[in-house]
Amino acid sequence: MPVEWQPVRQSRTHELVLQSIEDRVFAGELRAGDRLPPERELAPVLGVSRSALREALRVLETIGVLVAQPGRGPDSGARIVRNPDDALGRLLRLHFALGSYSLHDVLEARVVLERSSFEAAAAHACDEDLDEAERLLLGMAEPDVTAAGFNDLDTRFHVLIARSSGNALTSTLTSAVRESVRPLILRALEEATDWPATARALNSQHTRLLRLVREGRGGAAADLVEEHIRGLHGTLVDENAGT
């Protein structure tokens, strides 16, 4: 029986560079904090052009595993980092804008993630995190807080609770999902007929949520955060369904 040949996959040069760096990360040869050799040294070692190397480094910087510091000196060059929150949020926001995920999908993901994080936070959160959450609520309660300022503090509050749950991945995913709909939530807040009343109502729920977490009432906190998310976020789904 004759052998059936299949086309081989052709990779662009920068993809081969990415694969080489990924292999070293997986093998434990590169860790967070390590610096890559200068471009003028690394490119010839890999057998690629400096432009192909730069393209690969830009991809790694975009996905949050590398930071490039231009210039000369001990702090210059490319360094391996662990910074998934911003990168994942940016990626998810773009895919949401492109229609990869519906607003309803994002709503349901938020509900699942935040029910879990608030329930776990009630069992694991430390006083330091909860005190920081209290300060965020005080900022949201300021009479002159703008919708944009409120939205920023609101995001930080939910991400902080997720972080205090003790699960770093839940924190990253919560941050990314919340970040993906930040523009829509901000628009809804800015279009509120009575902004001060809207801010007070939202912050009243935040205050109750924090109290339930402090009291260790995880189930009640999970139920309330679902109600909280489905309130404003559910309104966004209804509005977009009609457009």
Protein backbone atom coordinates (compact mmCIF):
# COMPACT_ATOMS: atom_id res chain seq x y z
CA MET A 1 0.00 0.00 0.00
CA PRO A 2 1.58 3.34 -1.03
CA VAL A 3 2.46 5.82 1.70
CA GLU A 4 0.12 8.82 1.85
CA TRP A 5 2.12 11.98 2.29
CA GLN A 6 0.71 15.04 4.00
CA PRO A 7 1.85 18.64 3.54
CA VAL A 8 4.19 19.85 6.26
CA ARG A 9 3.27 22.96 8.22
CA GLN A 10 5.28 25.99 7.24
CA SER A 11 6.10 28.34 10.10
CA ARG A 12 7.12 31.93 9.87
CA THR A 13 10.49 32.68 11.39
CA HIS A 14 9.14 34.58 14.39
CA GLU A 15 6.90 31.59 15.24
CA LEU A 16 10.01 29.40 15.42
CA VAL A 17 11.58 31.93 17.78
CA LEU A 18 8.43 31.86 19.92
CA GLN A 19 8.53 28.07 20.02
CA SER A 20 12.18 28.11 21.09
CA ILE A 21 11.50 30.53 23.95
CA GLU A 22 8.34 28.64 25.00
CA ASP A 23 10.30 25.36 25.07
CA ARG A 24 12.80 26.90 27.47
CA VAL A 25 10.02 28.20 29.71
CA PHE A 26 8.34 24.79 29.79
CA ALA A 27 11.69 23.14 30.55
CA GLY A 28 12.26 25.51 33.47
CA GLU A 29 15.31 27.06 31.84
CA LEU A 30 13.60 30.46 31.73
CA ARG A 31 11.70 31.75 34.75
CA ALA A 32 9.98 34.98 35.76
CA GLY A 33 12.64 37.61 36.38
CA ASP A 34 15.18 36.15 33.96
CA ARG A 35 16.57 38.40 31.25
CA LEU A 36 17.00 37.34 27.65
CA PRO A 37 20.35 37.97 25.98
CA PRO A 38 20.64 41.22 23.99
CA GLU A 39 19.15 41.08 20.48
CA ARG A 40 22.58 41.33 18.85
CA GLU A 41 23.61 38.14 20.69
CA LEU A 42 20.35 36.19 20.67
CA ALA A 43 19.49 36.61 16.97
CA PRO A 44 22.64 34.92 15.59
CA VAL A 45 22.45 32.16 18.22
CA LEU A 46 18.90 31.36 17.04
CA GLY A 47 19.90 31.80 13.41
CA VAL A 48 17.28 34.45 12.70
CA SER A 49 17.23 38.10 11.75
CA ARG A 50 16.87 40.76 14.44
CA SER A 51 13.56 41.84 12.87
CA ALA A 52 12.15 38.31 13.27
CA LEU A 53 13.40 38.23 16.85
CA ARG A 54 11.77 41.59 17.62
CA GLU A 55 8.47 40.37 16.17
CA ALA A 56 8.53 37.35 18.46
CA LEU A 57 9.39 39.52 21.47
CA ARG A 58 6.49 41.86 20.68
CA VAL A 59 4.10 38.90 20.68
CA LEU A 60 5.41 37.76 24.07
CA GLU A 61 5.07 41.30 25.43
CA THR A 62 1.47 41.48 24.18
CA ILE A 63 0.50 38.27 25.96
CA GLY A 64 2.02 39.46 29.22
CA VAL A 65 5.02 37.17 29.65
CA LEU A 66 7.77 39.58 28.69
CA VAL A 67 8.57 43.25 29.20
CA ALA A 68 11.03 45.06 26.97
CA GLN A 69 12.98 47.95 28.46
CA PRO A 70 14.71 50.05 25.79
CA GLY A 71 18.06 51.77 26.24
CA ARG A 72 21.31 50.70 27.85
CA GLY A 73 22.26 49.72 31.35
CA PRO A 74 21.41 46.96 33.83
CA ASP A 75 17.65 47.45 33.51
CA SER A 76 17.53 47.46 29.69
CA GLY A 77 16.60 44.53 27.47
CA ALA A 78 13.83 41.95 27.60
CA ARG A 79 12.82 40.28 30.86
CA ILE A 80 10.45 37.37 31.50
CA VAL A 81 7.52 38.43 33.73
CA ARG A 82 4.23 37.12 35.03
CA ASN A 83 1.61 39.71 34.11
CA PRO A 84 -1.46 37.89 32.77
CA ASP A 85 -4.23 40.17 34.03
CA ASP A 86 -3.85 43.11 31.63
CA ALA A 87 -2.94 40.92 28.67
CA LEU A 88 -5.87 38.54 29.10
CA GLY A 89 -8.27 41.45 29.65
CA ARG A 90 -7.07 43.16 26.46
CA LEU A 91 -7.40 39.93 24.47
CA LEU A 92 -10.88 39.15 25.78
CA ARG A 93 -12.04 42.73 25.18
CA LEU A 94 -10.97 42.52 21.53
CA HIS A 95 -12.66 39.16 20.99
CA PHE A 96 -15.82 40.46 22.64
CA ALA A 97 -15.77 43.51 20.35
CA LEU A 98 -15.28 41.23 17.32
CA GLY A 99 -18.27 39.12 18.29
CA SER A 100 -16.39 36.01 19.39
CA TYR A 101 -18.47 36.03 22.58
CA SER A 102 -21.93 37.44 23.14
CA LEU A 103 -22.78 39.80 25.98
CA HIS A 104 -24.97 37.03 27.39
CA ASP A 105 -21.95 34.68 27.43
CA VAL A 106 -19.94 37.28 29.34
CA LEU A 107 -22.79 37.78 31.83
CA GLU A 108 -23.04 34.08 32.59
CA ALA A 109 -19.26 33.79 32.93
CA ARG A 110 -19.23 36.68 35.42
CA VAL A 111 -21.98 35.08 37.46
CA VAL A 112 -20.15 31.73 37.69
CA LEU A 113 -16.78 33.32 38.50
CA GLU A 114 -18.01 35.82 41.05
CA ARG A 115 -20.35 33.46 42.86
CA SER A 116 -17.32 31.24 43.37
CA SER A 117 -14.95 34.04 44.38
CA PHE A 118 -17.32 35.71 46.89
CA GLU A 119 -18.16 32.39 48.50
CA ALA A 120 -14.47 31.47 48.79
CA ALA A 121 -13.54 34.97 50.00
CA ALA A 122 -15.97 34.56 52.89
CA ALA A 123 -13.86 31.63 54.05
CA HIS A 124 -10.35 32.80 53.14
CA ALA A 125 -10.13 36.60 52.84
CA CYS A 126 -7.70 38.30 55.21
CA ASP A 127 -8.52 41.46 57.14
CA GLU A 128 -6.02 43.47 55.08
CA ASP A 129 -7.86 42.73 51.83
CA LEU A 130 -11.25 43.42 53.36
CA ASP A 131 -10.02 46.71 54.80
CA GLU A 132 -8.80 47.67 51.33
CA ALA A 133 -12.22 46.75 49.94
CA GLU A 134 -13.76 49.03 52.57
CA ARG A 135 -11.60 51.93 51.37
CA LEU A 136 -12.73 51.32 47.79
CA LEU A 137 -16.36 51.54 48.93
CA LEU A 138 -15.64 54.84 50.67
CA GLY A 139 -14.25 56.15 47.40
CA MET A 140 -17.37 55.04 45.53
CA ALA A 141 -19.53 56.77 48.14
CA GLU A 142 -17.87 60.18 47.63
CA PRO A 143 -20.58 62.69 46.57
CA ASP A 144 -18.49 64.04 43.68
CA VAL A 145 -17.40 60.66 42.26
CA THR A 146 -17.83 60.50 38.49
CA ALA A 147 -19.22 57.54 36.59
CA ALA A 148 -15.73 56.80 35.25
CA GLY A 149 -14.17 56.99 38.71
CA PHE A 150 -16.92 54.81 40.15
CA ASN A 151 -16.44 52.25 37.39
CA ASP A 152 -12.71 52.01 38.11
CA LEU A 153 -13.27 51.56 41.85
CA ASP A 154 -16.07 49.07 41.19
CA THR A 155 -13.77 46.97 39.01
CA ARG A 156 -11.02 47.05 41.63
CA PHE A 157 -13.50 45.97 44.32
CA HIS A 158 -14.65 42.88 42.43
CA VAL A 159 -11.12 41.91 41.38
CA LEU A 160 -9.88 42.38 44.96
CA ILE A 161 -12.54 40.03 46.31
CA ALA A 162 -11.61 37.48 43.63
CA ARG A 163 -7.94 37.79 44.62
CA SER A 164 -8.78 37.37 48.29
CA SER A 165 -10.55 34.08 47.50
CA GLY A 166 -7.12 32.46 47.37
CA ASN A 167 -7.37 31.41 43.71
CA ALA A 168 -5.04 33.43 41.48
CA LEU A 169 -6.60 32.13 38.25
CA THR A 170 -10.08 33.09 39.39
CA SER A 171 -8.75 36.58 40.09
CA THR A 172 -7.18 36.85 36.62
CA LEU A 173 -10.30 35.55 34.86
CA THR A 174 -12.58 37.85 36.88
CA SER A 175 -10.39 40.82 35.96
CA ALA A 176 -10.39 39.85 32.28
CA VAL A 177 -14.15 39.27 32.05
CA ARG A 178 -14.94 42.49 33.93
CA GLU A 179 -12.47 44.41 31.77
CA SER A 180 -14.04 43.10 28.56
CA VAL A 181 -17.31 44.95 29.28
CA ARG A 182 -15.84 48.01 30.99
CA PRO A 183 -16.83 50.40 28.13
CA LEU A 184 -20.43 49.14 28.11
CA ILE A 185 -20.80 49.37 31.88
CA LEU A 186 -19.32 52.88 31.86
CA ARG A 187 -21.75 53.94 29.15
CA ALA A 188 -24.68 52.58 31.16
CA LEU A 189 -23.51 54.47 34.27
CA GLU A 190 -23.04 57.71 32.32
CA GLU A 191 -26.52 57.39 30.81
CA ALA A 192 -28.22 56.83 34.17
CA THR A 193 -31.15 59.24 34.57
CA ASP A 194 -30.24 59.96 38.19
CA TRP A 195 -26.53 59.22 38.61
CA PRO A 196 -26.31 59.96 42.37
CA ALA A 197 -29.24 57.63 43.08
CA THR A 198 -27.74 54.93 40.84
CA ALA A 199 -24.38 55.19 42.61
CA ARG A 200 -26.05 54.94 46.03
CA ALA A 201 -28.06 51.87 45.01
CA LEU A 202 -25.02 50.07 43.60
CA ASN A 203 -22.90 50.95 46.59
CA SER A 204 -25.58 49.76 48.97
CA GLN A 205 -25.23 46.32 47.37
CA HIS A 206 -21.43 46.55 47.56
CA THR A 207 -21.67 47.36 51.26
CA ARG A 208 -23.96 44.39 51.91
CA LEU A 209 -21.66 42.13 49.91
CA LEU A 210 -18.64 43.14 51.96
CA ARG A 211 -20.53 42.68 55.22
CA LEU A 212 -21.57 39.14 54.21
CA VAL A 213 -17.97 38.28 53.31
CA ARG A 214 -16.73 39.64 56.66
CA GLU A 215 -19.35 37.57 58.47
CA GLY A 216 -18.28 34.42 56.62
CA ARG A 217 -21.69 34.00 54.97
CA GLY A 218 -20.43 32.73 51.64
CA GLY A 219 -23.71 31.35 50.31
CA ALA A 220 -25.57 34.58 50.96
CA ALA A 221 -22.73 36.60 49.40
CA ALA A 222 -22.82 34.38 46.29
CA ASP A 223 -26.57 34.88 45.91
CA LEU A 224 -26.30 38.64 46.35
CA VAL A 225 -23.43 39.07 43.89
CA GLU A 226 -25.43 37.19 41.27
CA GLU A 227 -28.35 39.54 41.87
CA HIS A 228 -25.94 42.50 41.71
CA ILE A 229 -24.41 41.40 38.39
CA ARG A 230 -27.69 40.47 36.76
CA GLY A 231 -29.10 43.87 37.71
CA LEU A 232 -26.91 46.30 35.75
CA HIS A 233 -25.28 43.72 33.48
CA GLY A 234 -28.63 42.11 32.70
CA THR A 235 -29.91 45.52 31.62
CA LEU A 236 -26.99 45.76 29.19
CA VAL A 237 -27.97 42.41 27.66
CA ASP A 238 -31.57 43.59 27.19
CA GLU A 239 -30.45 46.87 25.63
CA ASN A 240 -28.09 45.19 23.18
CA ALA A 241 -30.66 42.59 22.24
CA GLY A 242 -32.85 45.38 20.98
CA THR A 243 -30.18 47.08 18.87
